Amino acid sequence: MTHSGGKPHTNIGDRGQRYEVRSAGYPKPEMRTVGWAATLEGAYEMAKAFREHPSCLRTEIFDRQQNDLVITNYAGVLR
């Protein structure tokens, strides 16, 4: 049984979120999806927060509607 008593979870996930934020180095060494945002500005702020972590190497913002990479930002010193 889930914490909701088996009812469907309707307020979680990425439904309606256009932009996918990906990060490499943090939280895992390989590129991982770390979140979603409805606006490009929101996705950029999320990616910016991940780049502040010392182990983060880069972030990417992917437009799910256009199926295209929008922004790649590198963080810290390139190794």
N, C-alpha and C. Protein backbone atom coordinates (compact mmCIF):
# COMPACT_ATOMS: atom_id res chain seq x y z
N MET A 1 0.85 -1.18 0.00
CA MET A 1 0.00 0.00 0.00
C MET A 1 0.90 1.24 0.00
N THR A 2 0.50 2.24 -0.76
CA THR A 2 1.26 3.49 -0.79
C THR A 2 0.79 4.41 0.32
N HIS A 3 1.53 5.48 0.51
CA HIS A 3 1.14 6.42 1.55
C HIS A 3 -0.20 7.09 1.26
N SER A 4 -0.65 7.03 0.00
CA SER A 4 -1.94 7.63 -0.35
C SER A 4 -3.08 6.62 -0.25
N GLY A 5 -2.80 5.43 0.25
CA GLY A 5 -3.84 4.42 0.38
C GLY A 5 -4.19 3.77 -0.94
N GLY A 6 -3.27 3.81 -1.91
CA GLY A 6 -3.50 3.20 -3.20
C GLY A 6 -4.17 4.11 -4.21
N LYS A 7 -4.47 5.34 -3.81
CA LYS A 7 -5.09 6.28 -4.74
C LYS A 7 -4.04 6.78 -5.73
N PRO A 8 -4.44 7.17 -6.93
CA PRO A 8 -3.48 7.68 -7.90
C PRO A 8 -2.82 8.97 -7.41
N HIS A 9 -1.56 9.12 -7.71
CA HIS A 9 -0.83 10.34 -7.36
C HIS A 9 -1.04 11.34 -8.49
N THR A 10 -1.70 12.43 -8.23
CA THR A 10 -2.00 13.39 -9.30
C THR A 10 -1.16 14.65 -9.22
N ASN A 11 -0.47 14.88 -8.12
CA ASN A 11 0.25 16.14 -7.97
C ASN A 11 1.77 15.96 -8.01
N ILE A 12 2.24 14.90 -8.64
CA ILE A 12 3.67 14.69 -8.71
C ILE A 12 4.09 14.42 -10.15
N GLY A 13 5.38 14.47 -10.41
CA GLY A 13 5.88 14.14 -11.74
C GLY A 13 6.10 15.36 -12.60
N ASP A 14 6.12 15.12 -13.88
CA ASP A 14 6.50 16.15 -14.83
C ASP A 14 5.38 16.56 -15.78
N ARG A 15 4.17 16.23 -15.47
CA ARG A 15 3.07 16.53 -16.39
C ARG A 15 2.99 18.02 -16.67
N GLY A 16 2.97 18.37 -17.96
CA GLY A 16 2.83 19.76 -18.35
C GLY A 16 4.11 20.56 -18.29
N GLN A 17 5.20 19.94 -17.94
CA GLN A 17 6.47 20.65 -17.82
C GLN A 17 7.20 20.56 -19.16
N ARG A 18 7.47 21.70 -19.76
CA ARG A 18 8.07 21.71 -21.10
C ARG A 18 9.58 21.44 -21.08
N TYR A 19 10.28 21.94 -20.08
CA TYR A 19 11.74 21.87 -20.07
C TYR A 19 12.26 20.84 -19.08
N GLU A 20 13.23 20.06 -19.52
CA GLU A 20 13.87 19.05 -18.68
C GLU A 20 15.27 19.57 -18.34
N VAL A 21 15.63 19.51 -17.07
CA VAL A 21 16.95 19.95 -16.62
C VAL A 21 17.79 18.71 -16.33
N ARG A 22 18.98 18.70 -16.90
CA ARG A 22 19.90 17.57 -16.72
C ARG A 22 21.20 18.08 -16.11
N SER A 23 21.85 17.21 -15.35
CA SER A 23 23.09 17.60 -14.68
C SER A 23 24.09 16.45 -14.74
N ALA A 24 25.38 16.78 -14.92
CA ALA A 24 26.45 15.79 -14.89
C ALA A 24 27.41 16.16 -13.76
N GLY A 25 27.85 15.16 -13.01
CA GLY A 25 28.76 15.39 -11.89
C GLY A 25 28.05 15.45 -10.56
N TYR A 26 26.86 15.97 -10.54
CA TYR A 26 26.05 16.03 -9.33
C TYR A 26 24.59 15.89 -9.74
N PRO A 27 23.84 15.02 -9.16
CA PRO A 27 24.13 14.16 -8.02
C PRO A 27 24.87 12.87 -8.38
N LYS A 28 24.96 12.54 -9.65
CA LYS A 28 25.68 11.34 -10.10
C LYS A 28 26.72 11.76 -11.13
N PRO A 29 27.77 10.95 -11.32
CA PRO A 29 28.81 11.31 -12.29
C PRO A 29 28.28 11.44 -13.73
N GLU A 30 27.35 10.57 -14.12
CA GLU A 30 26.83 10.61 -15.49
C GLU A 30 25.69 11.63 -15.59
N MET A 31 25.37 12.01 -16.82
CA MET A 31 24.28 12.97 -17.06
C MET A 31 22.97 12.33 -16.60
N ARG A 32 22.23 13.05 -15.76
CA ARG A 32 20.94 12.58 -15.22
C ARG A 32 19.91 13.69 -15.30
N THR A 33 18.66 13.31 -15.46
CA THR A 33 17.57 14.27 -15.36
C THR A 33 17.36 14.59 -13.90
N VAL A 34 17.38 15.89 -13.56
CA VAL A 34 17.25 16.29 -12.17
C VAL A 34 15.97 17.07 -11.89
N GLY A 35 15.25 17.45 -12.94
CA GLY A 35 14.00 18.15 -12.71
C GLY A 35 13.36 18.64 -13.99
N TRP A 36 12.18 19.25 -13.84
CA TRP A 36 11.42 19.78 -14.95
C TRP A 36 10.90 21.15 -14.57
N ALA A 37 10.66 21.97 -15.58
CA ALA A 37 10.11 23.31 -15.35
C ALA A 37 9.18 23.68 -16.49
N ALA A 38 8.20 24.50 -16.19
CA ALA A 38 7.23 24.93 -17.19
C ALA A 38 7.80 26.04 -18.06
N THR A 39 8.71 26.85 -17.51
CA THR A 39 9.26 27.98 -18.26
C THR A 39 10.77 27.83 -18.41
N LEU A 40 11.31 28.47 -19.43
CA LEU A 40 12.74 28.45 -19.65
C LEU A 40 13.47 29.16 -18.50
N GLU A 41 12.89 30.22 -18.01
CA GLU A 41 13.49 30.96 -16.89
C GLU A 41 13.58 30.08 -15.65
N GLY A 42 12.52 29.33 -15.38
CA GLY A 42 12.52 28.42 -14.23
C GLY A 42 13.53 27.31 -14.39
N ALA A 43 13.65 26.78 -15.60
CA ALA A 43 14.63 25.72 -15.87
C ALA A 43 16.05 26.27 -15.71
N TYR A 44 16.28 27.50 -16.17
CA TYR A 44 17.60 28.10 -16.06
C TYR A 44 17.98 28.30 -14.59
N GLU A 45 17.04 28.76 -13.78
CA GLU A 45 17.32 28.95 -12.35
C GLU A 45 17.62 27.62 -11.66
N MET A 46 16.90 26.57 -12.03
CA MET A 46 17.15 25.25 -11.45
C MET A 46 18.55 24.76 -11.85
N ALA A 47 18.89 24.91 -13.13
CA ALA A 47 20.20 24.49 -13.60
C ALA A 47 21.30 25.30 -12.91
N LYS A 48 21.08 26.57 -12.73
CA LYS A 48 22.04 27.45 -12.06
C LYS A 48 22.30 26.97 -10.63
N ALA A 49 21.26 26.56 -9.94
CA ALA A 49 21.42 26.06 -8.57
C ALA A 49 22.26 24.78 -8.54
N PHE A 50 22.05 23.89 -9.51
CA PHE A 50 22.86 22.67 -9.57
C PHE A 50 24.32 22.97 -9.87
N ARG A 51 24.58 23.97 -10.73
CA ARG A 51 25.97 24.31 -11.06
C ARG A 51 26.74 24.89 -9.89
N GLU A 52 26.04 25.33 -8.87
CA GLU A 52 26.72 25.86 -7.69
C GLU A 52 27.34 24.77 -6.83
N HIS A 53 26.93 23.52 -7.01
CA HIS A 53 27.52 22.42 -6.26
C HIS A 53 28.93 22.17 -6.77
N PRO A 54 29.91 21.98 -5.88
CA PRO A 54 31.31 21.83 -6.31
C PRO A 54 31.57 20.67 -7.26
N SER A 55 30.80 19.61 -7.20
CA SER A 55 31.07 18.47 -8.08
C SER A 55 30.31 18.52 -9.41
N CYS A 56 29.45 19.50 -9.60
CA CYS A 56 28.71 19.61 -10.85
C CYS A 56 29.65 20.04 -11.97
N LEU A 57 29.61 19.31 -13.08
CA LEU A 57 30.46 19.62 -14.23
C LEU A 57 29.73 20.43 -15.29
N ARG A 58 28.46 20.09 -15.52
CA ARG A 58 27.68 20.84 -16.51
C ARG A 58 26.19 20.58 -16.33
N THR A 59 25.39 21.47 -16.88
CA THR A 59 23.94 21.30 -16.90
C THR A 59 23.45 21.51 -18.33
N GLU A 60 22.32 20.89 -18.61
CA GLU A 60 21.67 21.04 -19.91
C GLU A 60 20.18 21.30 -19.68
N ILE A 61 19.60 22.09 -20.57
CA ILE A 61 18.16 22.30 -20.57
C ILE A 61 17.65 21.79 -21.91
N PHE A 62 16.70 20.87 -21.84
CA PHE A 62 16.16 20.21 -23.01
C PHE A 62 14.70 20.60 -23.18
N ASP A 63 14.34 21.07 -24.37
CA ASP A 63 12.96 21.44 -24.68
C ASP A 63 12.23 20.18 -25.15
N ARG A 64 11.31 19.70 -24.35
CA ARG A 64 10.62 18.46 -24.65
C ARG A 64 9.60 18.60 -25.77
N GLN A 65 9.06 19.81 -25.99
CA GLN A 65 8.10 20.01 -27.08
C GLN A 65 8.81 20.04 -28.43
N GLN A 66 9.95 20.69 -28.50
CA GLN A 66 10.71 20.81 -29.74
C GLN A 66 11.68 19.64 -29.93
N ASN A 67 11.84 18.82 -28.88
CA ASN A 67 12.76 17.69 -28.90
C ASN A 67 14.18 18.14 -29.27
N ASP A 68 14.65 19.19 -28.54
CA ASP A 68 15.92 19.82 -28.88
C ASP A 68 16.61 20.34 -27.63
N LEU A 69 17.93 20.25 -27.63
CA LEU A 69 18.74 20.81 -26.55
C LEU A 69 18.76 22.32 -26.68
N VAL A 70 18.42 23.03 -25.60
CA VAL A 70 18.33 24.49 -25.63
C VAL A 70 19.63 25.13 -25.16
N ILE A 71 20.11 24.73 -23.99
CA ILE A 71 21.28 25.37 -23.36
C ILE A 71 22.16 24.30 -22.72
N THR A 72 23.47 24.45 -22.89
CA THR A 72 24.45 23.67 -22.14
C THR A 72 25.36 24.66 -21.44
N ASN A 73 25.49 24.56 -20.12
CA ASN A 73 26.38 25.41 -19.34
C ASN A 73 27.37 24.55 -18.60
N TYR A 74 28.64 24.92 -18.68
CA TYR A 74 29.67 24.23 -17.95
C TYR A 74 29.89 24.93 -16.61
N ALA A 75 30.29 24.15 -15.60
CA ALA A 75 30.45 24.70 -14.25
C ALA A 75 31.86 24.47 -13.74
N GLY A 76 32.34 25.41 -12.94
CA GLY A 76 33.63 25.24 -12.29
C GLY A 76 34.80 25.14 -13.26
N VAL A 77 35.82 24.50 -12.83
CA VAL A 77 37.02 24.32 -13.64
C VAL A 77 36.89 23.03 -14.42
N LEU A 78 37.11 23.11 -15.72
CA LEU A 78 37.06 21.89 -16.53
C LEU A 78 38.25 21.02 -16.20
N ARG A 79 38.02 19.74 -16.03
CA ARG A 79 39.10 18.83 -15.66
C ARG A 79 39.67 18.16 -16.87
